[in-house]
């Protein structure tokens, strides 16, 4: 059973994007995914 801890949290309105990445092999797939997700998530809005 999960435990809920009393911590601080902020919530913002924003947009969510779900992408599908295709590549000719696993190396290119990993490079594309790492390059796209290298920066922390940011909320715009």
PDB file of N, CA and C in Angstrom:
ATOM      1  N   UNK A   1       0.840  -1.178   0.000  1.00  0.00           N
ATOM      2  CA  UNK A   1       0.000   0.000   0.000  1.00  0.00           C
ATOM      3  C   UNK A   1       0.883   1.239   0.000  1.00  0.00           C
ATOM      4  N   UNK A   2       0.538   2.230  -0.794  1.00  0.00           N
ATOM      5  CA  UNK A   2       1.331   3.454  -0.919  1.00  0.00           C
ATOM      6  C   UNK A   2       1.124   4.351   0.294  1.00  0.00           C
ATOM      7  N   UNK A   3       2.187   5.088   0.632  1.00  0.00           N
ATOM      8  CA  UNK A   3       2.124   6.046   1.726  1.00  0.00           C
ATOM      9  C   UNK A   3       2.183   7.447   1.144  1.00  0.00           C
ATOM     10  N   UNK A   4       1.277   8.310   1.578  1.00  0.00           N
ATOM     11  CA  UNK A   4       1.268   9.698   1.126  1.00  0.00           C
ATOM     12  C   UNK A   4       2.037  10.523   2.145  1.00  0.00           C
ATOM     13  N   UNK A   5       3.070  11.212   1.674  1.00  0.00           N
ATOM     14  CA  UNK A   5       3.885  12.043   2.550  1.00  0.00           C
ATOM     15  C   UNK A   5       3.414  13.491   2.477  1.00  0.00           C
ATOM     16  N   UNK A   6       3.510  14.190   3.591  1.00  0.00           N
ATOM     17  CA  UNK A   6       3.117  15.593   3.664  1.00  0.00           C
ATOM     18  C   UNK A   6       4.267  16.442   3.129  1.00  0.00           C
ATOM     19  N   UNK A   7       4.237  16.748   1.833  1.00  0.00           N
ATOM     20  CA  UNK A   7       5.292  17.533   1.193  1.00  0.00           C
ATOM     21  C   UNK A   7       4.677  18.657   0.381  1.00  0.00           C
ATOM     22  N   UNK A   8       5.508  19.547  -0.116  1.00  0.00           N
ATOM     23  CA  UNK A   8       5.072  20.697  -0.902  1.00  0.00           C
ATOM     24  C   UNK A   8       4.981  20.319  -2.373  1.00  0.00           C
ATOM     25  N   UNK A   9       3.957  20.820  -3.038  1.00  0.00           N
ATOM     26  CA  UNK A   9       3.785  20.546  -4.462  1.00  0.00           C
ATOM     27  C   UNK A   9       3.105  21.744  -5.120  1.00  0.00           C
ATOM     28  N   UNK A  10       3.493  22.042  -6.356  1.00  0.00           N
ATOM     29  CA  UNK A  10       2.836  23.080  -7.143  1.00  0.00           C
ATOM     30  C   UNK A  10       2.241  22.434  -8.388  1.00  0.00           C
ATOM     31  N   UNK A  11       1.124  22.971  -8.838  1.00  0.00           N
ATOM     32  CA  UNK A  11       0.490  22.481 -10.059  1.00  0.00           C
ATOM     33  C   UNK A  11       0.172  23.673 -10.953  1.00  0.00           C
ATOM     34  N   UNK A  12       0.402  23.514 -12.245  1.00  0.00           N
ATOM     35  CA  UNK A  12       0.181  24.579 -13.209  1.00  0.00           C
ATOM     36  C   UNK A  12      -0.643  24.044 -14.368  1.00  0.00           C
ATOM     37  N   UNK A  13      -1.405  24.936 -14.984  1.00  0.00           N
ATOM     38  CA  UNK A  13      -2.070  24.566 -16.230  1.00  0.00           C
ATOM     39  C   UNK A  13      -1.018  24.527 -17.330  1.00  0.00           C
ATOM     40  N   UNK A  14      -1.176  23.658 -18.288  1.00  0.00           N
ATOM     41  CA  UNK A  14      -0.214  23.596 -19.378  1.00  0.00           C
ATOM     42  C   UNK A  14      -0.635  22.585 -20.426  1.00  0.00           C
ATOM     43  N   UNK A  15       0.216  22.366 -21.383  1.00  0.00           N
ATOM     44  CA  UNK A  15      -0.025  21.414 -22.462  1.00  0.00           C
ATOM     45  C   UNK A  15       0.868  20.201 -22.278  1.00  0.00           C
ATOM     46  N   UNK A  16       0.367  19.063 -22.702  1.00  0.00           N
ATOM     47  CA  UNK A  16       1.134  17.826 -22.661  1.00  0.00           C
ATOM     48  C   UNK A  16       1.258  17.320 -24.088  1.00  0.00           C
ATOM     49  N   UNK A  17       2.437  16.848 -24.441  1.00  0.00           N
ATOM     50  CA  UNK A  17       2.671  16.326 -25.786  1.00  0.00           C
ATOM     51  C   UNK A  17       3.166  14.889 -25.677  1.00  0.00           C
ATOM     52  N   UNK A  18       2.584  14.024 -26.480  1.00  0.00           N
ATOM     53  CA  UNK A  18       3.046  12.648 -26.551  1.00  0.00           C
ATOM     54  C   UNK A  18       3.547  12.420 -27.976  1.00  0.00           C
ATOM     55  N   UNK A  19       4.785  12.000 -28.105  1.00  0.00           N
ATOM     56  CA  UNK A  19       5.392  11.806 -29.418  1.00  0.00           C
ATOM     57  C   UNK A  19       5.730  10.345 -29.646  1.00  0.00           C
ATOM     58  N   UNK A  20       5.744   9.973 -30.902  1.00  0.00           N
ATOM     59  CA  UNK A  20       6.217   8.648 -31.277  1.00  0.00           C
ATOM     60  C   UNK A  20       7.474   8.848 -32.107  1.00  0.00           C
ATOM     61  N   UNK A  21       8.576   8.264 -31.663  1.00  0.00           N
ATOM     62  CA  UNK A  21       9.855   8.400 -32.362  1.00  0.00           C
ATOM     63  C   UNK A  21      10.114   7.114 -33.134  1.00  0.00           C
ATOM     64  N   UNK A  22      10.444   7.256 -34.413  1.00  0.00           N
ATOM     65  CA  UNK A  22      10.819   6.094 -35.213  1.00  0.00           C
ATOM     66  C   UNK A  22      12.241   6.291 -35.714  1.00  0.00           C
ATOM     67  N   UNK A  23      12.952   5.200 -35.897  1.00  0.00           N
ATOM     68  CA  UNK A  23      14.339   5.273 -36.348  1.00  0.00           C
ATOM     69  C   UNK A  23      14.699   3.978 -37.064  1.00  0.00           C
ATOM     70  N   UNK A  24      15.794   4.044 -37.814  1.00  0.00           N
ATOM     71  CA  UNK A  24      16.194   2.863 -38.580  1.00  0.00           C
ATOM     72  C   UNK A  24      16.849   1.796 -37.720  1.00  0.00           C
ATOM     73  N   UNK A  25      17.379   2.167 -36.539  1.00  0.00           N
ATOM     74  CA  UNK A  25      17.931   1.175 -35.623  1.00  0.00           C
ATOM     75  C   UNK A  25      17.938   1.729 -34.198  1.00  0.00           C
ATOM     76  N   UNK A  26      18.309   0.908 -33.242  1.00  0.00           N
ATOM     77  CA  UNK A  26      18.246   1.283 -31.826  1.00  0.00           C
ATOM     78  C   UNK A  26      19.186   2.435 -31.499  1.00  0.00           C
ATOM     79  N   UNK A  27      20.347   2.492 -32.136  1.00  0.00           N
ATOM     80  CA  UNK A  27      21.298   3.576 -31.858  1.00  0.00           C
ATOM     81  C   UNK A  27      20.687   4.943 -32.195  1.00  0.00           C
ATOM     82  N   UNK A  28      20.095   5.067 -33.383  1.00  0.00           N
ATOM     83  CA  UNK A  28      19.463   6.331 -33.765  1.00  0.00           C
ATOM     84  C   UNK A  28      18.250   6.636 -32.881  1.00  0.00           C
ATOM     85  N   UNK A  29      17.508   5.609 -32.509  1.00  0.00           N
ATOM     86  CA  UNK A  29      16.362   5.796 -31.622  1.00  0.00           C
ATOM     87  C   UNK A  29      16.810   6.359 -30.276  1.00  0.00           C
ATOM     88  N   UNK A  30      17.855   5.786 -29.692  1.00  0.00           N
ATOM     89  CA  UNK A  30      18.369   6.275 -28.412  1.00  0.00           C
ATOM     90  C   UNK A  30      18.909   7.694 -28.526  1.00  0.00           C
ATOM     91  N   UNK A  31      19.599   7.997 -29.614  1.00  0.00           N
ATOM     92  CA  UNK A  31      20.120   9.359 -29.807  1.00  0.00           C
ATOM     93  C   UNK A  31      18.980  10.374 -29.888  1.00  0.00           C
ATOM     94  N   UNK A  32      17.950  10.042 -30.640  1.00  0.00           N
ATOM     95  CA  UNK A  32      16.815  10.956 -30.790  1.00  0.00           C
ATOM     96  C   UNK A  32      16.092  11.155 -29.462  1.00  0.00           C
ATOM     97  N   UNK A  33      15.848  10.077 -28.747  1.00  0.00           N
ATOM     98  CA  UNK A  33      15.149  10.182 -27.461  1.00  0.00           C
ATOM     99  C   UNK A  33      15.976  10.967 -26.451  1.00  0.00           C
ATOM    100  N   UNK A  34      17.270  10.717 -26.388  1.00  0.00           N
ATOM    101  CA  UNK A  34      18.132  11.435 -25.443  1.00  0.00           C
ATOM    102  C   UNK A  34      18.262  12.909 -25.800  1.00  0.00           C
ATOM    103  N   UNK A  35      18.360  13.221 -27.076  1.00  0.00           N
ATOM    104  CA  UNK A  35      18.475  14.620 -27.490  1.00  0.00           C
ATOM    105  C   UNK A  35      17.182  15.385 -27.200  1.00  0.00           C
ATOM    106  N   UNK A  36      16.055  14.730 -27.392  1.00  0.00           N
ATOM    107  CA  UNK A  36      14.770  15.391 -27.184  1.00  0.00           C
ATOM    108  C   UNK A  36      14.460  15.595 -25.704  1.00  0.00           C
ATOM    109  N   UNK A  37      14.880  14.656 -24.866  1.00  0.00           N
ATOM    110  CA  UNK A  37      14.521  14.708 -23.444  1.00  0.00           C
ATOM    111  C   UNK A  37      15.691  15.123 -22.562  1.00  0.00           C
ATOM    112  N   UNK A  38      16.715  15.733 -23.137  1.00  0.00           N
ATOM    113  CA  UNK A  38      17.905  16.095 -22.362  1.00  0.00           C
ATOM    114  C   UNK A  38      17.623  17.203 -21.355  1.00  0.00           C
ATOM    115  N   UNK A  39      16.693  18.100 -21.657  1.00  0.00           N
ATOM    116  CA  UNK A  39      16.378  19.196 -20.747  1.00  0.00           C
ATOM    117  C   UNK A  39      15.231  18.795 -19.823  1.00  0.00           C
ATOM    118  N   UNK A  40      15.182  19.392 -18.640  1.00  0.00           N
ATOM    119  CA  UNK A  40      14.066  19.086 -17.725  1.00  0.00           C
ATOM    120  C   UNK A  40      12.728  19.491 -18.336  1.00  0.00           C
ATOM    121  N   UNK A  41      11.690  18.871 -17.879  1.00  0.00           N
ATOM    122  CA  UNK A  41      10.347  19.226 -18.348  1.00  0.00           C
ATOM    123  C   UNK A  41      10.028  20.663 -17.960  1.00  0.00           C
ATOM    124  N   UNK A  42       9.380  21.375 -18.850  1.00  0.00           N
ATOM    125  CA  UNK A  42       9.025  22.768 -18.615  1.00  0.00           C
ATOM    126  C   UNK A  42       7.541  22.953 -18.901  1.00  0.00           C
ATOM    127  N   UNK A  43       6.861  23.704 -18.067  1.00  0.00           N
ATOM    128  CA  UNK A  43       5.440  23.991 -18.275  1.00  0.00           C
ATOM    129  C   UNK A  43       5.315  25.370 -18.894  1.00  0.00           C
ATOM    130  N   UNK A  44       4.654  25.456 -20.041  1.00  0.00           N
ATOM    131  CA  UNK A  44       4.384  26.729 -20.701  1.00  0.00           C
ATOM    132  C   UNK A  44       2.890  26.995 -20.588  1.00  0.00           C
ATOM    133  N   UNK A  45       2.530  28.183 -20.193  1.00  0.00           N
ATOM    134  CA  UNK A  45       1.099  28.477 -20.140  1.00  0.00           C
ATOM    135  C   UNK A  45       0.764  29.456 -19.058  1.00  0.00           C
TER     136      UNK A  45
END
